[in-house]
């Protein structure tokens, strides 16, 4: 019987790493200053123009209160496909501290870290090959980012 494998990416953030499916990562690009959004919450850093799309850039570490400040030296932006059904925001970018790393997840190398509750936009915490990571709730995150960056954006087509 073959073991299920999921190609994934460990993305280093400030103070934590997140684990996302490889299929959700569109591209990793060098950091450029985003265009600020007036009156945006502190975890929304602004927007960048990427392949013709206005992509909101966020600090996931700030959103889940793992960090209050970000170091922009050597930072990258991990462009993710959103899971929300909207033509207005098919992508969002998460500020990364360094290069994301491909990893293969199996039942053998993945262990859930139980928690009584999780912060908003966190699906859970895991340990992968001895490294702790957060699994973001990408559906919820997409809705939060759309609302925070674009306000009254309709979330469905």
C-alpha atoms as a PDB file:
ATOM      1  CA  UNK A   1       0.000   0.000   0.000  1.00  0.00           C
ATOM      2  CA  UNK A   2       1.516   3.333  -1.015  1.00  0.00           C
ATOM      3  CA  UNK A   3       1.805   6.211   1.386  1.00  0.00           C
ATOM      4  CA  UNK A   4       0.123   9.518   0.561  1.00  0.00           C
ATOM      5  CA  UNK A   5       2.548  12.329  -0.190  1.00  0.00           C
ATOM      6  CA  UNK A   6       1.706  16.022  -0.391  1.00  0.00           C
ATOM      7  CA  UNK A   7       4.197  18.359  -2.022  1.00  0.00           C
ATOM      8  CA  UNK A   8       4.378  21.388   0.230  1.00  0.00           C
ATOM      9  CA  UNK A   9       6.406  24.496   0.938  1.00  0.00           C
ATOM     10  CA  UNK A  10       7.829  25.636   4.283  1.00  0.00           C
ATOM     11  CA  UNK A  11       7.809  29.437   4.234  1.00  0.00           C
ATOM     12  CA  UNK A  12      10.009  31.168   6.839  1.00  0.00           C
ATOM     13  CA  UNK A  13       8.310  34.158   8.447  1.00  0.00           C
ATOM     14  CA  UNK A  14       9.301  36.326  11.383  1.00  0.00           C
ATOM     15  CA  UNK A  15       9.335  34.019  14.400  1.00  0.00           C
ATOM     16  CA  UNK A  16       7.594  31.072  12.704  1.00  0.00           C
ATOM     17  CA  UNK A  17       7.301  29.000   9.566  1.00  0.00           C
ATOM     18  CA  UNK A  18       4.125  28.240   7.681  1.00  0.00           C
ATOM     19  CA  UNK A  19       3.367  25.105   5.697  1.00  0.00           C
ATOM     20  CA  UNK A  20       1.330  25.498   2.512  1.00  0.00           C
ATOM     21  CA  UNK A  21       0.584  23.152  -0.381  1.00  0.00           C
ATOM     22  CA  UNK A  22       3.016  23.656  -3.257  1.00  0.00           C
ATOM     23  CA  UNK A  23       0.054  24.057  -5.625  1.00  0.00           C
ATOM     24  CA  UNK A  24      -0.951  27.318  -3.899  1.00  0.00           C
ATOM     25  CA  UNK A  25       2.437  28.996  -4.478  1.00  0.00           C
ATOM     26  CA  UNK A  26       2.432  30.978  -7.715  1.00  0.00           C
ATOM     27  CA  UNK A  27       5.907  32.529  -7.363  1.00  0.00           C
ATOM     28  CA  UNK A  28       8.433  33.828  -4.858  1.00  0.00           C
ATOM     29  CA  UNK A  29       9.771  37.290  -5.682  1.00  0.00           C
ATOM     30  CA  UNK A  30      12.212  39.722  -4.127  1.00  0.00           C
ATOM     31  CA  UNK A  31      10.812  42.293  -1.742  1.00  0.00           C
ATOM     32  CA  UNK A  32       9.778  45.658  -3.146  1.00  0.00           C
ATOM     33  CA  UNK A  33       8.026  48.338  -1.144  1.00  0.00           C
ATOM     34  CA  UNK A  34       4.281  47.888  -1.568  1.00  0.00           C
ATOM     35  CA  UNK A  35       2.040  50.822  -2.375  1.00  0.00           C
ATOM     36  CA  UNK A  36       0.425  51.692   0.981  1.00  0.00           C
ATOM     37  CA  UNK A  37      -3.319  51.370   1.437  1.00  0.00           C
ATOM     38  CA  UNK A  38      -4.737  54.349   3.356  1.00  0.00           C
ATOM     39  CA  UNK A  39      -6.090  53.419   6.810  1.00  0.00           C
ATOM     40  CA  UNK A  40      -5.185  49.725   6.395  1.00  0.00           C
ATOM     41  CA  UNK A  41      -4.582  47.535   9.433  1.00  0.00           C
ATOM     42  CA  UNK A  42      -0.903  47.081  10.351  1.00  0.00           C
ATOM     43  CA  UNK A  43      -0.648  43.544   8.954  1.00  0.00           C
ATOM     44  CA  UNK A  44      -1.641  44.737   5.454  1.00  0.00           C
ATOM     45  CA  UNK A  45       1.578  46.230   4.085  1.00  0.00           C
ATOM     46  CA  UNK A  46       0.054  47.495   0.833  1.00  0.00           C
ATOM     47  CA  UNK A  47      -0.223  46.230  -2.723  1.00  0.00           C
ATOM     48  CA  UNK A  48       2.207  45.395  -5.504  1.00  0.00           C
ATOM     49  CA  UNK A  49       1.650  45.060  -9.221  1.00  0.00           C
ATOM     50  CA  UNK A  50       2.462  41.478 -10.243  1.00  0.00           C
ATOM     51  CA  UNK A  51       1.771  40.141 -13.745  1.00  0.00           C
ATOM     52  CA  UNK A  52      -0.926  42.784 -14.189  1.00  0.00           C
ATOM     53  CA  UNK A  53      -2.659  42.028 -10.876  1.00  0.00           C
ATOM     54  CA  UNK A  54      -2.943  44.344  -7.880  1.00  0.00           C
ATOM     55  CA  UNK A  55      -1.769  41.929  -5.169  1.00  0.00           C
ATOM     56  CA  UNK A  56      -2.172  42.719  -1.468  1.00  0.00           C
ATOM     57  CA  UNK A  57       0.973  42.070   0.611  1.00  0.00           C
ATOM     58  CA  UNK A  58       0.524  40.989   4.221  1.00  0.00           C
ATOM     59  CA  UNK A  59       2.539  40.198   7.300  1.00  0.00           C
ATOM     60  CA  UNK A  60       1.027  36.906   8.437  1.00  0.00           C
ATOM     61  CA  UNK A  61       3.250  37.044  11.540  1.00  0.00           C
ATOM     62  CA  UNK A  62       1.620  40.321  12.575  1.00  0.00           C
ATOM     63  CA  UNK A  63      -1.871  39.056  11.788  1.00  0.00           C
ATOM     64  CA  UNK A  64      -1.513  36.071  14.126  1.00  0.00           C
ATOM     65  CA  UNK A  65       0.449  38.159  16.651  1.00  0.00           C
ATOM     66  CA  UNK A  66       3.717  36.219  16.364  1.00  0.00           C
ATOM     67  CA  UNK A  67       5.654  39.430  15.603  1.00  0.00           C
ATOM     68  CA  UNK A  68       5.137  43.159  15.962  1.00  0.00           C
ATOM     69  CA  UNK A  69       7.951  44.236  13.600  1.00  0.00           C
ATOM     70  CA  UNK A  70       9.309  42.865  10.326  1.00  0.00           C
ATOM     71  CA  UNK A  71      12.889  42.962   9.042  1.00  0.00           C
ATOM     72  CA  UNK A  72      12.786  43.874   5.363  1.00  0.00           C
ATOM     73  CA  UNK A  73      16.498  43.107   4.720  1.00  0.00           C
ATOM     74  CA  UNK A  74      16.573  39.929   2.668  1.00  0.00           C
ATOM     75  CA  UNK A  75      12.788  39.641   2.739  1.00  0.00           C
ATOM     76  CA  UNK A  76      10.901  37.984  -0.087  1.00  0.00           C
ATOM     77  CA  UNK A  77       7.244  37.868  -1.070  1.00  0.00           C
ATOM     78  CA  UNK A  78       5.533  34.527  -1.495  1.00  0.00           C
ATOM     79  CA  UNK A  79       2.705  35.012  -4.007  1.00  0.00           C
ATOM     80  CA  UNK A  80      -0.133  32.619  -3.166  1.00  0.00           C
ATOM     81  CA  UNK A  81      -3.217  31.728  -5.145  1.00  0.00           C
ATOM     82  CA  UNK A  82      -6.273  32.626  -3.095  1.00  0.00           C
ATOM     83  CA  UNK A  83      -8.961  30.067  -2.497  1.00  0.00           C
ATOM     84  CA  UNK A  84     -11.780  32.596  -2.583  1.00  0.00           C
ATOM     85  CA  UNK A  85     -13.895  32.687  -5.718  1.00  0.00           C
ATOM     86  CA  UNK A  86     -13.237  36.186  -6.981  1.00  0.00           C
ATOM     87  CA  UNK A  87     -11.764  37.631 -10.130  1.00  0.00           C
ATOM     88  CA  UNK A  88     -10.679  40.769  -8.283  1.00  0.00           C
ATOM     89  CA  UNK A  89      -8.181  39.114  -5.932  1.00  0.00           C
ATOM     90  CA  UNK A  90      -6.880  35.816  -7.298  1.00  0.00           C
ATOM     91  CA  UNK A  91      -3.529  36.294  -5.511  1.00  0.00           C
ATOM     92  CA  UNK A  92      -2.133  37.571  -2.240  1.00  0.00           C
ATOM     93  CA  UNK A  93       1.464  37.891  -1.076  1.00  0.00           C
ATOM     94  CA  UNK A  94       2.868  36.889   2.302  1.00  0.00           C
ATOM     95  CA  UNK A  95       6.071  38.536   3.508  1.00  0.00           C
ATOM     96  CA  UNK A  96       8.744  35.843   3.816  1.00  0.00           C
ATOM     97  CA  UNK A  97      12.058  36.001   5.652  1.00  0.00           C
ATOM     98  CA  UNK A  98      14.270  34.116   3.229  1.00  0.00           C
ATOM     99  CA  UNK A  99      13.645  31.443   0.649  1.00  0.00           C
ATOM    100  CA  UNK A 100      10.758  29.005   1.042  1.00  0.00           C
ATOM    101  CA  UNK A 101      11.785  25.354   0.906  1.00  0.00           C
ATOM    102  CA  UNK A 102      10.042  22.506  -0.873  1.00  0.00           C
ATOM    103  CA  UNK A 103       9.176  19.555   1.331  1.00  0.00           C
ATOM    104  CA  UNK A 104       7.205  16.364   0.932  1.00  0.00           C
ATOM    105  CA  UNK A 105       4.673  15.661   3.664  1.00  0.00           C
ATOM    106  CA  UNK A 106       3.836  12.082   4.606  1.00  0.00           C
ATOM    107  CA  UNK A 107       2.129  10.414   7.544  1.00  0.00           C
ATOM    108  CA  UNK A 108       5.591   9.512   8.842  1.00  0.00           C
ATOM    109  CA  UNK A 109       7.122  13.017   8.964  1.00  0.00           C
ATOM    110  CA  UNK A 110       4.031  15.000  10.041  1.00  0.00           C
ATOM    111  CA  UNK A 111       2.768  15.280  13.593  1.00  0.00           C
ATOM    112  CA  UNK A 112      -0.090  17.489  14.747  1.00  0.00           C
ATOM    113  CA  UNK A 113       0.558  19.761  17.729  1.00  0.00           C
ATOM    114  CA  UNK A 114      -2.696  19.866  19.685  1.00  0.00           C
ATOM    115  CA  UNK A 115      -4.055  23.268  20.688  1.00  0.00           C
ATOM    116  CA  UNK A 116      -7.128  24.329  22.631  1.00  0.00           C
ATOM    117  CA  UNK A 117      -7.685  27.164  20.167  1.00  0.00           C
ATOM    118  CA  UNK A 118      -5.910  28.858  17.293  1.00  0.00           C
ATOM    119  CA  UNK A 119      -5.603  32.506  16.284  1.00  0.00           C
ATOM    120  CA  UNK A 120      -7.712  33.744  13.412  1.00  0.00           C
ATOM    121  CA  UNK A 121      -6.535  32.372  10.032  1.00  0.00           C
ATOM    122  CA  UNK A 122      -4.630  29.467  11.642  1.00  0.00           C
ATOM    123  CA  UNK A 123      -5.899  25.988  10.802  1.00  0.00           C
ATOM    124  CA  UNK A 124      -3.415  24.261  13.100  1.00  0.00           C
ATOM    125  CA  UNK A 125       0.145  23.656  14.185  1.00  0.00           C
ATOM    126  CA  UNK A 126       2.314  20.752  13.135  1.00  0.00           C
ATOM    127  CA  UNK A 127       5.801  19.384  13.390  1.00  0.00           C
ATOM    128  CA  UNK A 128       7.476  18.327  10.142  1.00  0.00           C
ATOM    129  CA  UNK A 129      10.759  16.451  10.446  1.00  0.00           C
ATOM    130  CA  UNK A 130      11.309  18.096  13.840  1.00  0.00           C
ATOM    131  CA  UNK A 131      10.460  21.651  12.682  1.00  0.00           C
ATOM    132  CA  UNK A 132       7.368  23.381  14.041  1.00  0.00           C
ATOM    133  CA  UNK A 133       5.106  25.069  11.505  1.00  0.00           C
ATOM    134  CA  UNK A 134       1.723  26.726  11.301  1.00  0.00           C
ATOM    135  CA  UNK A 135      -0.827  25.662   8.721  1.00  0.00           C
ATOM    136  CA  UNK A 136      -2.720  28.781   7.673  1.00  0.00           C
ATOM    137  CA  UNK A 137      -6.457  28.648   7.050  1.00  0.00           C
ATOM    138  CA  UNK A 138      -6.059  29.846   3.457  1.00  0.00           C
ATOM    139  CA  UNK A 139      -9.782  30.194   2.800  1.00  0.00           C
ATOM    140  CA  UNK A 140     -10.325  32.398   5.831  1.00  0.00           C
ATOM    141  CA  UNK A 141      -7.084  34.260   5.181  1.00  0.00           C
ATOM    142  CA  UNK A 142      -8.204  35.111   1.651  1.00  0.00           C
ATOM    143  CA  UNK A 143     -11.463  36.581   2.952  1.00  0.00           C
ATOM    144  CA  UNK A 144      -9.665  38.555   5.682  1.00  0.00           C
ATOM    145  CA  UNK A 145      -7.141  39.968   3.217  1.00  0.00           C
ATOM    146  CA  UNK A 146      -9.821  40.867   0.651  1.00  0.00           C
ATOM    147  CA  UNK A 147     -11.832  42.707   3.282  1.00  0.00           C
ATOM    148  CA  UNK A 148      -8.819  44.439   4.857  1.00  0.00           C
ATOM    149  CA  UNK A 149      -7.208  45.460   1.563  1.00  0.00           C
ATOM    150  CA  UNK A 150     -10.215  46.243  -0.601  1.00  0.00           C
ATOM    151  CA  UNK A 151     -13.078  46.826   1.830  1.00  0.00           C
ATOM    152  CA  UNK A 152     -16.387  46.155   0.143  1.00  0.00           C
ATOM    153  CA  UNK A 153     -14.933  43.689  -2.360  1.00  0.00           C
ATOM    154  CA  UNK A 154     -17.515  41.076  -3.248  1.00  0.00           C
ATOM    155  CA  UNK A 155     -15.992  37.798  -2.152  1.00  0.00           C
ATOM    156  CA  UNK A 156     -17.686  35.615  -4.749  1.00  0.00           C
ATOM    157  CA  UNK A 157     -18.082  35.955  -8.492  1.00  0.00           C
END
